[in-house]
Amino acid sequence: MPRRPARRRPLTAGAAVLALAAALTACGTSAADPNAKEITVYSADGLRSEQGDGFYDKVFKDFEKQTGIKVNYVESGSGAAVQRLARERTNTKADVLVTLPPFIQQADGKGLLDIYRPKGAEHVAAADQDPGGRWTAVVNNYFCFIHNTREVPRPPATWQDLTDPRYAGKLQYSTPGVAGDGTAVLIKALHDFGGQGPAMAFLKKLQANNVGPSSSTGQLAPKTDKGELLIANGDVQMNYANLKSMPHQGIFFPAAAPGARPSTFALPYAAGLVRNAPHAANARRFLDYLLSKPVQEEVSAIGGGFAARRDVHPTDPNATALAKIMKGVEVFQPDWNDIDKNLDTYISAWKTATGS
């Protein structure tokens, strides 16, 4: 059965995480003792469960049991994790960064990642890892939208359908440049509408229905489940994994235009070794562990996601259900080099178009 992840959960649920982050900043134990049996992971939210039964929960527990290395976990939005890492450049506290594109590329561009190709990376698709060896996908995933299945039993087929007045004040997507899935809204719009100009023109029109900014996509799933929202953005791993606790949300992929196939793109959790990591040796062991075949075989069964290794072919019920969700959906490949180079320009254009 699907598990319930913490990813993009309400901020009240993240209070403990923020407290942990503050404690780590204050004490700086990792930086003070490079021989400590610990690592600190800065991660985009989504793979840990509030109920303690998520992918990270099991991975951290099993890794510590096998190696004696404790994992200190600091959760945030994708962009926020990179921003924090950059602020701490002169006093690095994190050992491993796990975040979504284009923020993993952004971290690399800022010189925040070191070269390390984990064991098993040869089984990861070339598109899902840095050719220079600075990051590798560890859990594959795809961008999506969600709808409240009681109020909107048949989801919108196209982008244009999202502008229906019935969704006024009932549609929300997380903030591009802050949330990974929010940035994904922008990336898909740029692709589907054929460039910055038409994409921004549409998002300006869509703003009439948009509730407003949200720093965390996870805040939107429970609101959609309750009917406070009718439409929101998300990703397949997060929304599938929390179906058990939020059963009134459905996953859909808007097409670029009437008659076109529904489409999406891969949005993997990518992990990299932080430059000047205080516990670099432990971090390498952890990255090896994440890509090990036994752990990858648990990605769908426990995390509701897709294995990053191409030689892993799970047959658990979650894997079967996920394959059904993706059936008939066109998967395109974004130009990540262009997005990394021009992301600030695109974010600025989005702010201008939407008045955000």
Protein backbone atom coordinates (compact mmCIF):
# COMPACT_ATOMS: atom_id res chain seq x y z
CA MET A 1 0.00 0.00 0.00
CA PRO A 2 1.14 3.58 -0.52
CA ARG A 3 3.14 5.19 2.22
CA ARG A 4 2.71 8.72 3.49
CA PRO A 5 5.69 10.98 2.85
CA ALA A 6 6.58 14.23 4.50
CA ARG A 7 7.45 15.93 1.31
CA ARG A 8 5.95 19.35 0.75
CA ARG A 9 3.89 18.90 3.93
CA PRO A 10 2.30 21.76 5.87
CA LEU A 11 4.77 24.07 7.58
CA THR A 12 3.42 23.15 11.00
CA ALA A 13 4.75 19.68 10.39
CA GLY A 14 8.15 21.15 9.56
CA ALA A 15 8.52 23.00 12.87
CA ALA A 16 10.53 20.18 14.36
CA VAL A 17 12.75 20.11 11.30
CA LEU A 18 13.39 23.83 11.58
CA ALA A 19 14.24 23.39 15.24
CA LEU A 20 16.70 20.67 14.34
CA ALA A 21 18.22 22.88 11.67
CA ALA A 22 18.64 25.69 14.20
CA ALA A 23 20.22 23.33 16.68
CA LEU A 24 22.67 22.06 14.10
CA THR A 25 23.58 25.63 13.17
CA ALA A 26 24.09 26.59 16.77
CA CYS A 27 26.16 23.65 17.91
CA GLY A 28 28.09 22.93 14.71
CA THR A 29 28.98 19.47 16.01
CA SER A 30 29.73 18.09 12.56
CA ALA A 31 32.23 20.81 11.71
CA ALA A 32 33.85 20.52 15.15
CA ASP A 33 34.47 16.78 14.99
CA PRO A 34 35.34 15.40 11.54
CA ASN A 35 35.69 11.91 13.00
CA ALA A 36 32.17 11.81 14.41
CA LYS A 37 30.01 8.88 13.30
CA GLU A 38 27.42 11.10 11.69
CA ILE A 39 26.45 12.99 8.58
CA THR A 40 24.12 15.90 7.91
CA VAL A 41 21.79 15.72 4.93
CA TYR A 42 20.13 18.83 3.50
CA SER A 43 17.18 17.60 1.47
CA ALA A 44 14.12 18.71 -0.42
CA ASP A 45 11.06 17.43 1.38
CA GLY A 46 9.13 14.38 0.31
CA LEU A 47 10.93 11.19 1.15
CA ARG A 48 10.45 11.27 4.91
CA SER A 49 7.13 10.49 6.60
CA GLU A 50 5.52 12.19 9.56
CA GLN A 51 4.31 8.74 10.57
CA GLY A 52 7.85 7.35 10.49
CA ASP A 53 7.21 4.85 7.71
CA GLY A 54 8.63 6.69 4.71
CA PHE A 55 11.61 5.95 2.48
CA TYR A 56 14.07 8.16 4.35
CA ASP A 57 12.85 6.84 7.70
CA LYS A 58 13.84 3.30 6.74
CA VAL A 59 16.99 4.29 4.88
CA PHE A 60 18.36 6.37 7.76
CA LYS A 61 17.57 3.69 10.32
CA ASP A 62 19.05 0.85 8.27
CA PHE A 63 22.15 2.87 7.34
CA GLU A 64 22.87 3.67 10.97
CA LYS A 65 22.31 0.03 11.94
CA GLN A 66 24.73 -1.21 9.28
CA THR A 67 27.43 1.46 9.67
CA GLY A 68 26.96 3.11 13.06
CA ILE A 69 26.70 6.47 11.25
CA LYS A 70 23.81 8.66 12.40
CA VAL A 71 21.99 10.82 9.85
CA ASN A 72 21.06 14.36 10.90
CA TYR A 73 18.28 15.46 8.57
CA VAL A 74 17.45 19.06 7.61
CA GLU A 75 14.42 19.49 5.33
CA SER A 76 13.38 22.46 3.22
CA GLY A 77 12.28 23.46 -0.25
CA SER A 78 14.68 22.69 -3.08
CA GLY A 79 15.80 26.28 -3.64
CA ALA A 80 16.01 27.02 0.07
CA ALA A 81 18.37 24.09 0.61
CA VAL A 82 20.80 25.44 -1.99
CA GLN A 83 20.53 28.97 -0.61
CA ARG A 84 21.36 27.78 2.88
CA LEU A 85 24.30 25.76 1.61
CA ALA A 86 25.63 28.85 -0.16
CA ARG A 87 25.28 30.98 2.98
CA GLU A 88 27.28 28.43 4.95
CA ARG A 89 30.05 28.15 2.38
CA THR A 90 32.72 29.38 4.82
CA ASN A 91 31.47 27.13 7.61
CA THR A 92 30.02 24.09 5.88
CA LYS A 93 27.69 22.01 8.00
CA ALA A 94 26.05 19.72 5.42
CA ASP A 95 27.66 16.61 4.01
CA VAL A 96 25.07 15.57 1.43
CA LEU A 97 22.61 17.61 -0.63
CA VAL A 98 19.47 16.02 -2.08
CA THR A 99 17.36 18.31 -4.22
CA LEU A 100 15.45 18.54 -7.50
CA PRO A 101 16.47 19.95 -10.87
CA PRO A 102 17.27 22.67 -11.70
CA PHE A 103 18.49 23.31 -8.16
CA ILE A 104 21.00 20.47 -8.14
CA GLN A 105 22.54 22.06 -11.26
CA GLN A 106 22.39 25.42 -9.52
CA ALA A 107 24.30 24.02 -6.54
CA ASP A 108 26.93 22.68 -8.92
CA GLY A 109 27.15 26.03 -10.71
CA LYS A 110 27.74 27.79 -7.40
CA GLY A 111 30.65 25.45 -6.65
CA LEU A 112 28.87 23.81 -3.71
CA LEU A 113 29.35 20.18 -4.77
CA ASP A 114 32.39 17.96 -4.88
CA ILE A 115 33.15 15.19 -7.36
CA TYR A 116 31.99 11.76 -6.28
CA ARG A 117 30.37 9.10 -8.43
CA PRO A 118 28.64 6.61 -6.10
CA LYS A 119 28.92 2.89 -6.57
CA GLY A 120 26.08 1.81 -8.85
CA ALA A 121 26.01 5.10 -10.78
CA GLU A 122 26.90 3.19 -13.93
CA HIS A 123 23.35 1.83 -13.82
CA VAL A 124 21.77 5.31 -13.75
CA ALA A 125 20.79 6.89 -17.08
CA ALA A 126 23.20 9.51 -18.38
CA ALA A 127 20.43 12.12 -18.35
CA ASP A 128 19.94 11.52 -14.63
CA GLN A 129 23.48 12.28 -13.51
CA ASP A 130 26.12 14.92 -13.92
CA PRO A 131 28.72 13.95 -16.53
CA GLY A 132 31.33 15.49 -14.25
CA GLY A 133 30.32 13.27 -11.34
CA ARG A 134 28.96 15.93 -8.99
CA TRP A 135 25.41 14.60 -8.61
CA THR A 136 23.38 11.50 -9.33
CA ALA A 137 19.64 10.79 -9.23
CA VAL A 138 18.74 8.50 -6.34
CA VAL A 139 14.92 8.46 -6.71
CA ASN A 140 13.20 9.15 -10.00
CA ASN A 141 10.00 11.13 -10.11
CA TYR A 142 7.73 13.12 -12.46
CA PHE A 143 5.97 16.47 -12.33
CA CYS A 144 2.17 16.44 -12.15
CA PHE A 145 -0.94 18.33 -11.10
CA ILE A 146 -3.60 17.11 -8.68
CA HIS A 147 -7.36 17.66 -8.49
CA ASN A 148 -9.99 17.12 -5.82
CA THR A 149 -11.73 13.98 -7.06
CA ARG A 150 -15.06 14.74 -5.35
CA GLU A 151 -15.53 18.25 -6.73
CA VAL A 152 -13.65 17.68 -10.00
CA PRO A 153 -14.14 14.00 -10.87
CA ARG A 154 -12.84 14.55 -14.41
CA PRO A 155 -9.55 16.48 -14.34
CA PRO A 156 -8.75 19.35 -16.72
CA ALA A 157 -7.32 18.01 -19.98
CA THR A 158 -5.22 21.01 -21.00
CA TRP A 159 -3.50 24.09 -19.61
CA GLN A 160 -6.31 26.18 -21.04
CA ASP A 161 -8.87 24.30 -18.96
CA LEU A 162 -7.14 25.54 -15.81
CA THR A 163 -8.36 29.07 -16.59
CA ASP A 164 -12.01 28.04 -16.17
CA PRO A 165 -13.68 30.55 -13.79
CA ARG A 166 -14.87 27.67 -11.61
CA TYR A 167 -11.29 27.41 -10.33
CA ALA A 168 -11.05 31.06 -9.27
CA GLY A 169 -9.55 31.11 -5.78
CA LYS A 170 -9.44 27.32 -5.84
CA LEU A 171 -6.22 26.81 -7.82
CA GLN A 172 -2.72 27.20 -6.45
CA TYR A 173 0.80 26.30 -7.45
CA SER A 174 3.94 26.64 -5.37
CA THR A 175 6.34 29.48 -6.02
CA PRO A 176 8.83 29.10 -8.88
CA GLY A 177 12.39 29.70 -7.73
CA VAL A 178 11.57 28.62 -4.18
CA ALA A 179 9.87 25.23 -4.50
CA GLY A 180 11.13 22.56 -6.86
CA ASP A 181 7.66 21.63 -8.05
CA GLY A 182 6.78 25.30 -8.43
CA THR A 183 9.76 25.77 -10.68
CA ALA A 184 8.56 22.71 -12.58
CA VAL A 185 5.29 24.53 -13.41
CA LEU A 186 7.37 27.19 -15.10
CA ILE A 187 9.55 24.65 -16.93
CA LYS A 188 6.56 22.77 -18.32
CA ALA A 189 4.89 26.01 -19.40
CA LEU A 190 8.06 27.13 -21.21
CA HIS A 191 8.14 23.80 -23.03
CA ASP A 192 4.44 23.47 -23.83
CA PHE A 193 3.89 27.05 -24.98
CA GLY A 194 7.11 27.22 -26.97
CA GLY A 195 9.11 29.82 -25.11
CA GLN A 196 9.18 32.60 -22.57
CA GLY A 197 6.78 35.04 -24.23
CA PRO A 198 3.75 32.77 -24.73
CA ALA A 199 4.40 30.93 -21.43
CA MET A 200 4.34 34.17 -19.44
CA ALA A 201 1.27 35.39 -21.30
CA PHE A 202 -0.57 32.24 -20.24
CA LEU A 203 0.63 32.34 -16.62
CA LYS A 204 -0.49 35.97 -16.44
CA LYS A 205 -3.96 34.83 -17.53
CA LEU A 206 -3.90 31.92 -15.09
CA GLN A 207 -3.13 34.32 -12.24
CA ALA A 208 -6.81 35.28 -12.16
CA ASN A 209 -7.50 31.85 -10.62
CA ASN A 210 -4.32 31.47 -8.58
CA VAL A 211 -4.63 31.79 -4.79
CA GLY A 212 -1.10 33.12 -4.49
CA PRO A 213 2.42 32.13 -3.47
CA SER A 214 3.31 29.01 -1.52
CA SER A 215 6.85 28.15 -0.48
CA SER A 216 6.02 24.47 -0.10
CA THR A 217 4.14 22.26 -2.53
CA GLY A 218 3.26 19.91 0.31
CA GLN A 219 0.99 22.53 1.82
CA LEU A 220 -1.24 22.17 -1.22
CA ALA A 221 -1.95 18.43 -1.15
CA PRO A 222 -3.99 18.39 2.09
CA LYS A 223 -5.87 21.51 0.99
CA THR A 224 -6.76 19.80 -2.28
CA ASP A 225 -7.81 16.63 -0.48
CA LYS A 226 -10.15 18.65 1.76
CA GLY A 227 -11.58 20.68 -1.13
CA GLU A 228 -10.12 24.00 -0.01
CA LEU A 229 -8.35 23.86 -3.36
CA LEU A 230 -9.62 22.10 -6.45
CA ILE A 231 -6.38 22.17 -8.46
CA ALA A 232 -2.73 22.27 -7.35
CA ASN A 233 0.68 21.25 -8.57
CA GLY A 234 2.69 18.35 -7.23
CA ASP A 235 4.72 15.36 -8.31
CA VAL A 236 3.88 11.72 -8.79
CA GLN A 237 5.97 10.34 -5.92
CA MET A 238 4.60 12.73 -3.32
CA ASN A 239 0.98 12.60 -4.38
CA TYR A 240 0.85 8.87 -4.98
CA ALA A 241 2.58 8.09 -1.69
CA ASN A 242 0.12 10.12 0.37
CA LEU A 243 -3.05 8.79 -1.28
CA LYS A 244 -3.72 6.60 1.74
CA SER A 245 -3.98 9.58 4.07
CA MET A 246 -5.37 11.96 1.40
CA PRO A 247 -7.65 9.82 -0.75
CA HIS A 248 -9.55 12.65 -2.45
CA GLN A 249 -6.74 13.80 -4.70
CA GLY A 250 -6.13 12.55 -8.21
CA ILE A 251 -3.01 12.86 -10.36
CA PHE A 252 -3.21 14.34 -13.85
CA PHE A 253 -0.95 15.80 -16.55
CA PRO A 254 -2.30 18.74 -18.58
CA ALA A 255 -1.64 18.61 -22.31
CA ALA A 256 -0.18 21.57 -24.19
CA ALA A 257 -3.32 21.97 -26.33
CA PRO A 258 -6.59 20.20 -27.16
CA GLY A 259 -5.94 16.89 -28.86
CA ALA A 260 -2.33 16.66 -27.65
CA ARG A 261 -1.08 13.88 -25.41
CA PRO A 262 -0.74 14.62 -21.69
CA SER A 263 2.90 15.31 -20.93
CA THR A 264 5.40 15.67 -18.13
CA PHE A 265 9.11 15.47 -17.45
CA ALA A 266 11.38 13.69 -15.02
CA LEU A 267 11.98 15.51 -11.76
CA PRO A 268 14.34 13.22 -9.82
CA TYR A 269 15.70 13.59 -6.35
CA ALA A 270 19.40 14.06 -7.08
CA ALA A 271 22.14 13.70 -4.48
CA GLY A 272 25.64 15.13 -4.34
CA LEU A 273 28.61 15.28 -1.99
CA VAL A 274 28.91 18.77 -0.51
CA ARG A 275 32.23 20.50 -1.11
CA ASN A 276 34.28 20.69 2.10
CA ALA A 277 31.84 18.32 3.76
CA PRO A 278 32.86 17.87 7.41
CA HIS A 279 32.25 14.11 7.19
CA ALA A 280 33.13 13.42 3.56
CA ALA A 281 34.05 9.75 4.04
CA ASN A 282 30.78 9.02 5.82
CA ALA A 283 28.91 10.96 3.13
CA ARG A 284 30.42 8.82 0.38
CA ARG A 285 29.30 5.68 2.20
CA PHE A 286 25.80 7.11 2.44
CA LEU A 287 25.66 7.97 -1.25
CA ASP A 288 26.84 4.45 -2.09
CA TYR A 289 24.12 3.10 0.16
CA LEU A 290 21.37 5.16 -1.50
CA LEU A 291 22.28 3.72 -4.90
CA SER A 292 22.80 0.16 -3.68
CA LYS A 293 20.51 -2.36 -5.33
CA PRO A 294 18.67 -3.43 -2.14
CA VAL A 295 17.80 0.19 -1.33
CA GLN A 296 16.77 0.95 -4.90
CA GLU A 297 14.46 -2.05 -4.83
CA GLU A 298 12.59 -0.39 -1.95
CA VAL A 299 12.03 2.97 -3.67
CA SER A 300 8.57 2.11 -5.01
CA ALA A 301 7.41 -0.23 -2.24
CA ILE A 302 8.24 2.20 0.57
CA GLY A 303 8.67 5.61 -1.03
CA GLY A 304 6.10 5.50 -3.81
CA GLY A 305 8.76 6.60 -6.28
CA PHE A 306 10.70 5.21 -9.20
CA ALA A 307 14.08 3.50 -8.90
CA ALA A 308 17.00 5.50 -10.31
CA ARG A 309 18.91 2.37 -11.33
CA ARG A 310 17.91 0.95 -14.70
CA ASP A 311 18.78 -2.59 -13.61
CA VAL A 312 16.10 -2.51 -10.89
CA HIS A 313 12.66 -3.65 -12.05
CA PRO A 314 10.32 -3.82 -9.05
CA THR A 315 7.07 -5.77 -9.24
CA ASP A 316 5.46 -4.63 -5.99
CA PRO A 317 1.88 -3.26 -6.08
CA ASN A 318 3.10 0.33 -5.89
CA ALA A 319 5.37 -0.15 -8.89
CA THR A 320 2.45 -1.58 -10.86
CA ALA A 321 0.17 1.30 -9.89
CA LEU A 322 2.82 3.89 -10.76
CA ALA A 323 3.33 2.34 -14.19
CA LYS A 324 -0.42 2.61 -14.78
CA ILE A 325 -0.40 6.31 -13.82
CA MET A 326 2.36 7.00 -16.35
CA LYS A 327 0.81 4.96 -19.17
CA GLY A 328 0.13 7.10 -22.24
CA VAL A 329 1.91 10.15 -20.81
CA GLU A 330 4.56 11.71 -23.01
CA VAL A 331 7.81 12.37 -21.14
CA PHE A 332 9.92 15.18 -22.58
CA GLN A 333 13.50 16.10 -21.73
CA PRO A 334 14.00 19.72 -20.59
CA ASP A 335 17.12 21.57 -21.67
CA TRP A 336 18.62 21.72 -18.19
CA ASN A 337 21.66 23.66 -19.40
CA ASP A 338 19.39 26.41 -20.72
CA ILE A 339 17.26 26.39 -17.58
CA ASP A 340 20.29 26.54 -15.30
CA LYS A 341 21.77 29.40 -17.34
CA ASN A 342 18.56 31.41 -17.64
CA LEU A 343 16.58 30.46 -14.53
CA ASP A 344 16.92 33.89 -12.92
CA THR A 345 15.64 35.50 -16.13
CA TYR A 346 12.67 33.14 -16.28
CA ILE A 347 11.83 33.71 -12.60
CA SER A 348 12.04 37.47 -13.09
CA ALA A 349 9.76 37.27 -16.14
CA TRP A 350 7.27 35.16 -14.15
CA LYS A 351 7.23 37.70 -11.31
CA THR A 352 6.60 40.50 -13.78
CA ALA A 353 3.84 38.59 -15.58
CA THR A 354 2.01 37.54 -12.44
CA GLY A 355 2.71 40.54 -10.23
CA SER A 356 4.22 38.24 -7.63
